């Protein structure tokens, strides 16, 4: 009976125990600093970043995973008549110029310490898109929304940063269920402040500049207002990373 009980506990704990300390989740604020011709057509972007990495070795020095980022590099807000036949009803029209990046990540970092430097290589896809929303001026609710322009290209890059440990949970008790089953105890949860930067380069994309969608005369013609350039930017992040 004792043997069956020990085997049952091992089944419950061996898989999560083997993965203890292997997971790294990051979320925080992101800033994109355009370079080259992209800098001539867009402004600095602000938004959010996030990633998930899985360590490939017990010391957690090598990890692979995926990261995503969303930043808005411009936008306009104006009031307009609901239609040419109903000019006495006006609505709020918001236009947002955005970028989104989805990438695979290979990371190498220091195994231990309060401050752990890391380096990353990435490759994936970058999207540029502009959306316009019509909002009710009384309650701010979006009534209609449409994507005016979107394009994308493959991207690649490299970067690095520092993980600064700000919290570490208590280790497993000496006589934990893991150890009674002959399984290594879980690593304590660790929380870091993550400050990093990533250089990104990619193919050519078409996109709209801030405020170029509609002229002062109310003209609407996307094709004549499209900008075109290669993707080239530096992406900064200030985030929180949890390792478990």
C-alpha atoms as a PDB file:
ATOM      1  CA  UNK A   1       0.000   0.000   0.000  1.00  0.00           C
ATOM      2  CA  UNK A   2       2.839   2.393   0.865  1.00  0.00           C
ATOM      3  CA  UNK A   3       4.453   1.620  -2.506  1.00  0.00           C
ATOM      4  CA  UNK A   4       1.212   2.433  -4.360  1.00  0.00           C
ATOM      5  CA  UNK A   5       0.836   5.678  -2.414  1.00  0.00           C
ATOM      6  CA  UNK A   6       4.399   6.735  -3.210  1.00  0.00           C
ATOM      7  CA  UNK A   7       3.870   5.952  -6.893  1.00  0.00           C
ATOM      8  CA  UNK A   8       0.651   7.981  -6.940  1.00  0.00           C
ATOM      9  CA  UNK A   9       2.400  10.995  -5.394  1.00  0.00           C
ATOM     10  CA  UNK A  10       5.199  10.681  -7.925  1.00  0.00           C
ATOM     11  CA  UNK A  11       2.721  10.784 -10.824  1.00  0.00           C
ATOM     12  CA  UNK A  12       1.152  13.926  -9.397  1.00  0.00           C
ATOM     13  CA  UNK A  13       4.414  15.746  -8.900  1.00  0.00           C
ATOM     14  CA  UNK A  14       7.037  14.489 -11.306  1.00  0.00           C
ATOM     15  CA  UNK A  15       5.934  16.535 -14.335  1.00  0.00           C
ATOM     16  CA  UNK A  16       5.526  19.897 -12.614  1.00  0.00           C
ATOM     17  CA  UNK A  17       8.545  19.130 -10.444  1.00  0.00           C
ATOM     18  CA  UNK A  18      10.711  18.509 -13.507  1.00  0.00           C
ATOM     19  CA  UNK A  19       9.626  21.851 -14.912  1.00  0.00           C
ATOM     20  CA  UNK A  20      10.194  23.725 -11.655  1.00  0.00           C
ATOM     21  CA  UNK A  21      11.957  26.988 -12.238  1.00  0.00           C
ATOM     22  CA  UNK A  22      11.865  26.493 -15.998  1.00  0.00           C
ATOM     23  CA  UNK A  23       9.187  29.078 -16.811  1.00  0.00           C
ATOM     24  CA  UNK A  24       9.728  32.818 -17.281  1.00  0.00           C
ATOM     25  CA  UNK A  25       6.842  35.217 -17.925  1.00  0.00           C
ATOM     26  CA  UNK A  26       7.387  38.918 -18.648  1.00  0.00           C
ATOM     27  CA  UNK A  27       4.945  41.821 -19.034  1.00  0.00           C
ATOM     28  CA  UNK A  28       5.467  45.559 -19.042  1.00  0.00           C
ATOM     29  CA  UNK A  29       5.780  48.825 -20.921  1.00  0.00           C
ATOM     30  CA  UNK A  30       7.460  49.126 -24.308  1.00  0.00           C
ATOM     31  CA  UNK A  31       8.846  52.055 -26.328  1.00  0.00           C
ATOM     32  CA  UNK A  32       9.827  51.836 -29.996  1.00  0.00           C
ATOM     33  CA  UNK A  33      12.434  54.285 -31.309  1.00  0.00           C
ATOM     34  CA  UNK A  34      12.307  54.320 -35.155  1.00  0.00           C
ATOM     35  CA  UNK A  35      15.512  54.670 -37.147  1.00  0.00           C
ATOM     36  CA  UNK A  36      16.433  55.472 -40.743  1.00  0.00           C
ATOM     37  CA  UNK A  37      13.619  56.282 -43.145  1.00  0.00           C
ATOM     38  CA  UNK A  38      11.098  54.907 -40.688  1.00  0.00           C
ATOM     39  CA  UNK A  39      12.117  57.689 -38.303  1.00  0.00           C
ATOM     40  CA  UNK A  40      11.276  60.279 -40.992  1.00  0.00           C
ATOM     41  CA  UNK A  41       7.698  58.992 -41.287  1.00  0.00           C
ATOM     42  CA  UNK A  42       6.706  57.887 -37.766  1.00  0.00           C
ATOM     43  CA  UNK A  43       6.990  59.071 -34.188  1.00  0.00           C
ATOM     44  CA  UNK A  44       8.163  57.219 -31.099  1.00  0.00           C
ATOM     45  CA  UNK A  45       5.742  54.417 -30.236  1.00  0.00           C
ATOM     46  CA  UNK A  46       4.382  53.613 -26.779  1.00  0.00           C
ATOM     47  CA  UNK A  47       2.619  50.435 -25.694  1.00  0.00           C
ATOM     48  CA  UNK A  48       3.045  47.028 -24.082  1.00  0.00           C
ATOM     49  CA  UNK A  49       5.373  44.034 -24.325  1.00  0.00           C
ATOM     50  CA  UNK A  50       5.119  40.466 -23.090  1.00  0.00           C
ATOM     51  CA  UNK A  51       6.912  37.151 -23.438  1.00  0.00           C
ATOM     52  CA  UNK A  52       7.046  33.537 -22.301  1.00  0.00           C
ATOM     53  CA  UNK A  53      10.330  31.586 -22.156  1.00  0.00           C
ATOM     54  CA  UNK A  54      11.077  27.986 -21.209  1.00  0.00           C
ATOM     55  CA  UNK A  55      14.528  27.106 -19.845  1.00  0.00           C
ATOM     56  CA  UNK A  56      16.294  24.226 -21.591  1.00  0.00           C
ATOM     57  CA  UNK A  57      18.719  23.383 -18.769  1.00  0.00           C
ATOM     58  CA  UNK A  58      18.537  23.191 -14.955  1.00  0.00           C
ATOM     59  CA  UNK A  59      20.647  26.326 -14.468  1.00  0.00           C
ATOM     60  CA  UNK A  60      18.188  28.310 -16.643  1.00  0.00           C
ATOM     61  CA  UNK A  61      21.017  29.860 -18.668  1.00  0.00           C
ATOM     62  CA  UNK A  62      19.461  28.943 -22.036  1.00  0.00           C
ATOM     63  CA  UNK A  63      15.780  29.454 -22.821  1.00  0.00           C
ATOM     64  CA  UNK A  64      13.487  29.597 -25.847  1.00  0.00           C
ATOM     65  CA  UNK A  65      10.022  31.044 -26.292  1.00  0.00           C
ATOM     66  CA  UNK A  66       7.987  33.806 -27.877  1.00  0.00           C
ATOM     67  CA  UNK A  67       7.461  37.517 -27.356  1.00  0.00           C
ATOM     68  CA  UNK A  68       4.876  40.023 -28.496  1.00  0.00           C
ATOM     69  CA  UNK A  69       4.704  43.809 -28.546  1.00  0.00           C
ATOM     70  CA  UNK A  70       2.100  46.409 -29.407  1.00  0.00           C
ATOM     71  CA  UNK A  71       2.848  50.127 -29.774  1.00  0.00           C
ATOM     72  CA  UNK A  72       0.917  53.115 -31.116  1.00  0.00           C
ATOM     73  CA  UNK A  73       3.153  55.521 -33.045  1.00  0.00           C
ATOM     74  CA  UNK A  74       0.550  58.209 -33.701  1.00  0.00           C
ATOM     75  CA  UNK A  75      -3.110  59.120 -33.694  1.00  0.00           C
ATOM     76  CA  UNK A  76      -5.640  61.853 -34.315  1.00  0.00           C
ATOM     77  CA  UNK A  77      -9.022  62.779 -32.861  1.00  0.00           C
ATOM     78  CA  UNK A  78     -11.601  65.005 -34.532  1.00  0.00           C
ATOM     79  CA  UNK A  79     -15.312  65.681 -34.749  1.00  0.00           C
ATOM     80  CA  UNK A  80     -17.209  65.196 -38.008  1.00  0.00           C
ATOM     81  CA  UNK A  81     -20.764  65.268 -39.298  1.00  0.00           C
ATOM     82  CA  UNK A  82     -22.515  61.906 -39.212  1.00  0.00           C
ATOM     83  CA  UNK A  83     -23.093  62.220 -42.965  1.00  0.00           C
ATOM     84  CA  UNK A  84     -23.393  64.840 -45.688  1.00  0.00           C
ATOM     85  CA  UNK A  85     -27.179  64.636 -45.394  1.00  0.00           C
ATOM     86  CA  UNK A  86     -27.168  64.888 -41.571  1.00  0.00           C
ATOM     87  CA  UNK A  87     -24.585  67.626 -40.869  1.00  0.00           C
ATOM     88  CA  UNK A  88     -26.261  68.708 -37.627  1.00  0.00           C
ATOM     89  CA  UNK A  89     -25.320  65.441 -35.845  1.00  0.00           C
ATOM     90  CA  UNK A  90     -21.630  65.214 -35.068  1.00  0.00           C
ATOM     91  CA  UNK A  91     -19.591  62.258 -33.825  1.00  0.00           C
ATOM     92  CA  UNK A  92     -16.054  61.710 -32.503  1.00  0.00           C
ATOM     93  CA  UNK A  93     -13.659  60.065 -34.977  1.00  0.00           C
ATOM     94  CA  UNK A  94     -10.395  58.588 -33.634  1.00  0.00           C
ATOM     95  CA  UNK A  95      -7.607  57.305 -35.879  1.00  0.00           C
ATOM     96  CA  UNK A  96      -4.752  55.220 -34.429  1.00  0.00           C
ATOM     97  CA  UNK A  97      -1.486  54.221 -36.128  1.00  0.00           C
ATOM     98  CA  UNK A  98      -0.077  51.041 -34.620  1.00  0.00           C
ATOM     99  CA  UNK A  99       2.629  48.397 -34.820  1.00  0.00           C
ATOM    100  CA  UNK A 100       2.586  44.826 -33.531  1.00  0.00           C
ATOM    101  CA  UNK A 101       5.480  42.356 -33.416  1.00  0.00           C
ATOM    102  CA  UNK A 102       5.407  38.587 -32.814  1.00  0.00           C
ATOM    103  CA  UNK A 103       8.791  36.876 -32.509  1.00  0.00           C
ATOM    104  CA  UNK A 104      10.516  33.689 -31.472  1.00  0.00           C
ATOM    105  CA  UNK A 105      13.234  34.248 -28.864  1.00  0.00           C
ATOM    106  CA  UNK A 106      16.494  32.508 -27.911  1.00  0.00           C
ATOM    107  CA  UNK A 107      17.869  33.803 -24.604  1.00  0.00           C
ATOM    108  CA  UNK A 108      21.174  33.274 -22.773  1.00  0.00           C
ATOM    109  CA  UNK A 109      21.496  34.698 -19.258  1.00  0.00           C
ATOM    110  CA  UNK A 110      23.513  34.492 -16.065  1.00  0.00           C
ATOM    111  CA  UNK A 111      22.318  31.572 -13.895  1.00  0.00           C
ATOM    112  CA  UNK A 112      22.268  33.244 -10.466  1.00  0.00           C
ATOM    113  CA  UNK A 113      22.690  36.541  -8.662  1.00  0.00           C
ATOM    114  CA  UNK A 114      20.666  39.585  -7.687  1.00  0.00           C
ATOM    115  CA  UNK A 115      21.534  41.148 -11.063  1.00  0.00           C
ATOM    116  CA  UNK A 116      21.449  38.781 -14.044  1.00  0.00           C
ATOM    117  CA  UNK A 117      22.451  40.109 -17.486  1.00  0.00           C
ATOM    118  CA  UNK A 118      20.962  38.409 -20.541  1.00  0.00           C
ATOM    119  CA  UNK A 119      21.292  38.438 -24.334  1.00  0.00           C
ATOM    120  CA  UNK A 120      18.617  37.554 -26.904  1.00  0.00           C
ATOM    121  CA  UNK A 121      18.277  36.753 -30.574  1.00  0.00           C
ATOM    122  CA  UNK A 122      14.857  37.075 -32.227  1.00  0.00           C
ATOM    123  CA  UNK A 123      13.046  36.465 -35.505  1.00  0.00           C
ATOM    124  CA  UNK A 124       9.390  36.842 -36.455  1.00  0.00           C
ATOM    125  CA  UNK A 125       6.872  39.106 -38.149  1.00  0.00           C
ATOM    126  CA  UNK A 126       6.016  42.801 -37.813  1.00  0.00           C
ATOM    127  CA  UNK A 127       2.647  44.414 -38.573  1.00  0.00           C
ATOM    128  CA  UNK A 128       1.791  48.054 -39.317  1.00  0.00           C
ATOM    129  CA  UNK A 129      -1.885  48.984 -39.276  1.00  0.00           C
ATOM    130  CA  UNK A 130      -4.139  52.040 -39.008  1.00  0.00           C
ATOM    131  CA  UNK A 131      -7.657  51.872 -37.581  1.00  0.00           C
ATOM    132  CA  UNK A 132     -10.451  54.446 -37.387  1.00  0.00           C
ATOM    133  CA  UNK A 133     -13.246  54.330 -34.802  1.00  0.00           C
ATOM    134  CA  UNK A 134     -16.476  56.302 -34.619  1.00  0.00           C
ATOM    135  CA  UNK A 135     -17.523  57.022 -31.042  1.00  0.00           C
ATOM    136  CA  UNK A 136     -20.689  58.330 -29.458  1.00  0.00           C
ATOM    137  CA  UNK A 137     -19.677  61.765 -28.022  1.00  0.00           C
ATOM    138  CA  UNK A 138     -22.010  61.344 -25.041  1.00  0.00           C
ATOM    139  CA  UNK A 139     -20.820  58.029 -23.572  1.00  0.00           C
ATOM    140  CA  UNK A 140     -17.575  57.385 -25.507  1.00  0.00           C
ATOM    141  CA  UNK A 141     -18.792  53.999 -26.752  1.00  0.00           C
ATOM    142  CA  UNK A 142     -17.389  52.825 -30.087  1.00  0.00           C
ATOM    143  CA  UNK A 143     -20.163  52.586 -32.658  1.00  0.00           C
ATOM    144  CA  UNK A 144     -18.145  51.596 -35.742  1.00  0.00           C
ATOM    145  CA  UNK A 145     -14.531  50.625 -36.331  1.00  0.00           C
ATOM    146  CA  UNK A 146     -12.518  49.714 -39.412  1.00  0.00           C
ATOM    147  CA  UNK A 147      -8.914  48.963 -40.399  1.00  0.00           C
ATOM    148  CA  UNK A 148      -7.907  51.481 -43.051  1.00  0.00           C
ATOM    149  CA  UNK A 149      -4.494  50.065 -43.936  1.00  0.00           C
ATOM    150  CA  UNK A 150      -2.342  47.099 -42.897  1.00  0.00           C
ATOM    151  CA  UNK A 151       0.905  45.569 -44.058  1.00  0.00           C
ATOM    152  CA  UNK A 152       3.668  43.412 -42.623  1.00  0.00           C
ATOM    153  CA  UNK A 153       7.128  41.984 -43.168  1.00  0.00           C
ATOM    154  CA  UNK A 154       9.569  39.484 -41.655  1.00  0.00           C
ATOM    155  CA  UNK A 155      11.807  40.888 -38.920  1.00  0.00           C
ATOM    156  CA  UNK A 156      14.908  39.778 -37.037  1.00  0.00           C
ATOM    157  CA  UNK A 157      17.063  41.286 -34.338  1.00  0.00           C
ATOM    158  CA  UNK A 158      19.120  41.007 -31.171  1.00  0.00           C
ATOM    159  CA  UNK A 159      19.255  42.650 -27.787  1.00  0.00           C
ATOM    160  CA  UNK A 160      19.889  42.298 -24.111  1.00  0.00           C
ATOM    161  CA  UNK A 161      19.196  43.650 -20.688  1.00  0.00           C
ATOM    162  CA  UNK A 162      19.332  43.150 -16.944  1.00  0.00           C
ATOM    163  CA  UNK A 163      17.126  41.192 -14.551  1.00  0.00           C
ATOM    164  CA  UNK A 164      17.207  42.719 -11.056  1.00  0.00           C
ATOM    165  CA  UNK A 165      15.768  40.395  -8.406  1.00  0.00           C
ATOM    166  CA  UNK A 166      13.286  42.093  -6.097  1.00  0.00           C
ATOM    167  CA  UNK A 167      11.563  39.066  -4.519  1.00  0.00           C
ATOM    168  CA  UNK A 168      12.199  35.376  -3.872  1.00  0.00           C
ATOM    169  CA  UNK A 169       9.706  33.023  -2.291  1.00  0.00           C
ATOM    170  CA  UNK A 170      10.443  30.539   0.465  1.00  0.00           C
ATOM    171  CA  UNK A 171      11.990  27.180  -0.554  1.00  0.00           C
ATOM    172  CA  UNK A 172      10.029  23.958  -0.207  1.00  0.00           C
ATOM    173  CA  UNK A 173       9.880  22.444   3.328  1.00  0.00           C
ATOM    174  CA  UNK A 174      12.449  19.736   3.991  1.00  0.00           C
ATOM    175  CA  UNK A 175       9.819  16.981   4.171  1.00  0.00           C
ATOM    176  CA  UNK A 176       7.717  18.129   1.226  1.00  0.00           C
ATOM    177  CA  UNK A 177       5.595  15.724  -0.800  1.00  0.00           C
ATOM    178  CA  UNK A 178       8.068  16.101  -3.666  1.00  0.00           C
ATOM    179  CA  UNK A 179      10.980  14.778  -1.607  1.00  0.00           C
ATOM    180  CA  UNK A 180       8.919  11.998  -0.009  1.00  0.00           C
ATOM    181  CA  UNK A 181       8.151  10.849  -3.560  1.00  0.00           C
ATOM    182  CA  UNK A 182      11.803  11.061  -4.550  1.00  0.00           C
ATOM    183  CA  UNK A 183      11.253  14.164  -6.738  1.00  0.00           C
ATOM    184  CA  UNK A 184      13.279  17.369  -6.585  1.00  0.00           C
ATOM    185  CA  UNK A 185      11.383  20.148  -4.741  1.00  0.00           C
ATOM    186  CA  UNK A 186      10.010  23.117  -6.619  1.00  0.00           C
ATOM    187  CA  UNK A 187      12.211  26.171  -7.029  1.00  0.00           C
ATOM    188  CA  UNK A 188      10.857  29.232  -5.186  1.00  0.00           C
ATOM    189  CA  UNK A 189       9.103  31.882  -7.243  1.00  0.00           C
ATOM    190  CA  UNK A 190      11.387  34.772  -8.203  1.00  0.00           C
ATOM    191  CA  UNK A 191      10.350  38.247  -9.319  1.00  0.00           C
ATOM    192  CA  UNK A 192      12.617  40.609 -11.266  1.00  0.00           C
ATOM    193  CA  UNK A 193      12.555  44.124 -12.670  1.00  0.00           C
ATOM    194  CA  UNK A 194      13.465  43.657 -16.338  1.00  0.00           C
ATOM    195  CA  UNK A 195      15.131  46.529 -18.223  1.00  0.00           C
ATOM    196  CA  UNK A 196      16.190  45.760 -21.777  1.00  0.00           C
ATOM    197  CA  UNK A 197      16.528  46.895 -25.376  1.00  0.00           C
ATOM    198  CA  UNK A 198      16.219  45.102 -28.712  1.00  0.00           C
ATOM    199  CA  UNK A 199      17.330  46.195 -32.181  1.00  0.00           C
ATOM    200  CA  UNK A 200      14.933  45.098 -34.933  1.00  0.00           C
ATOM    201  CA  UNK A 201      15.440  45.075 -38.695  1.00  0.00           C
ATOM    202  CA  UNK A 202      12.950  43.914 -41.319  1.00  0.00           C
ATOM    203  CA  UNK A 203      11.619  44.073 -44.830  1.00  0.00           C
ATOM    204  CA  UNK A 204       9.726  46.850 -46.561  1.00  0.00           C
ATOM    205  CA  UNK A 205       6.228  47.808 -45.414  1.00  0.00           C
ATOM    206  CA  UNK A 206       3.602  50.366 -46.424  1.00  0.00           C
ATOM    207  CA  UNK A 207       1.940  52.415 -43.686  1.00  0.00           C
ATOM    208  CA  UNK A 208       0.194  55.691 -42.971  1.00  0.00           C
ATOM    209  CA  UNK A 209       1.807  58.632 -41.237  1.00  0.00           C
ATOM    210  CA  UNK A 210       0.084  60.286 -38.293  1.00  0.00           C
ATOM    211  CA  UNK A 211      -2.678  62.609 -39.499  1.00  0.00           C
ATOM    212  CA  UNK A 212      -2.283  61.745 -43.195  1.00  0.00           C
ATOM    213  CA  UNK A 213      -5.508  59.788 -43.606  1.00  0.00           C
ATOM    214  CA  UNK A 214      -7.856  62.762 -44.009  1.00  0.00           C
ATOM    215  CA  UNK A 215      -6.881  66.238 -45.237  1.00  0.00           C
ATOM    216  CA  UNK A 216      -8.188  69.560 -43.932  1.00  0.00           C
ATOM    217  CA  UNK A 217     -10.644  69.554 -46.843  1.00  0.00           C
ATOM    218  CA  UNK A 218     -11.971  66.165 -45.761  1.00  0.00           C
ATOM    219  CA  UNK A 219     -10.463  64.240 -48.699  1.00  0.00           C
ATOM    220  CA  UNK A 220      -9.935  60.531 -48.211  1.00  0.00           C
ATOM    221  CA  UNK A 221      -7.423  58.749 -50.441  1.00  0.00           C
ATOM    222  CA  UNK A 222      -5.193  56.116 -48.856  1.00  0.00           C
ATOM    223  CA  UNK A 223      -3.002  55.232 -51.844  1.00  0.00           C
ATOM    224  CA  UNK A 224      -1.626  58.739 -52.326  1.00  0.00           C
ATOM    225  CA  UNK A 225      -0.744  59.040 -48.639  1.00  0.00           C
ATOM    226  CA  UNK A 226       1.045  55.744 -48.033  1.00  0.00           C
ATOM    227  CA  UNK A 227       4.638  55.865 -46.804  1.00  0.00           C
ATOM    228  CA  UNK A 228       7.043  53.047 -47.599  1.00  0.00           C
ATOM    229  CA  UNK A 229      10.287  51.987 -45.896  1.00  0.00           C
ATOM    230  CA  UNK A 230      12.164  49.078 -44.321  1.00  0.00           C
ATOM    231  CA  UNK A 231      11.524  48.267 -40.675  1.00  0.00           C
ATOM    232  CA  UNK A 232      14.349  49.565 -38.501  1.00  0.00           C
ATOM    233  CA  UNK A 233      13.911  50.456 -34.835  1.00  0.00           C
ATOM    234  CA  UNK A 234      15.100  49.969 -31.271  1.00  0.00           C
ATOM    235  CA  UNK A 235      12.556  48.574 -28.844  1.00  0.00           C
ATOM    236  CA  UNK A 236      12.993  49.390 -25.143  1.00  0.00           C
ATOM    237  CA  UNK A 237      11.170  47.718 -22.291  1.00  0.00           C
ATOM    238  CA  UNK A 238      10.677  48.193 -18.572  1.00  0.00           C
ATOM    239  CA  UNK A 239       8.840  45.164 -17.294  1.00  0.00           C
ATOM    240  CA  UNK A 240       8.265  42.671 -14.506  1.00  0.00           C
ATOM    241  CA  UNK A 241       9.540  39.121 -14.971  1.00  0.00           C
ATOM    242  CA  UNK A 242       8.335  36.162 -12.905  1.00  0.00           C
ATOM    243  CA  UNK A 243      10.318  32.923 -12.843  1.00  0.00           C
ATOM    244  CA  UNK A 244       8.671  29.766 -11.522  1.00  0.00           C
END
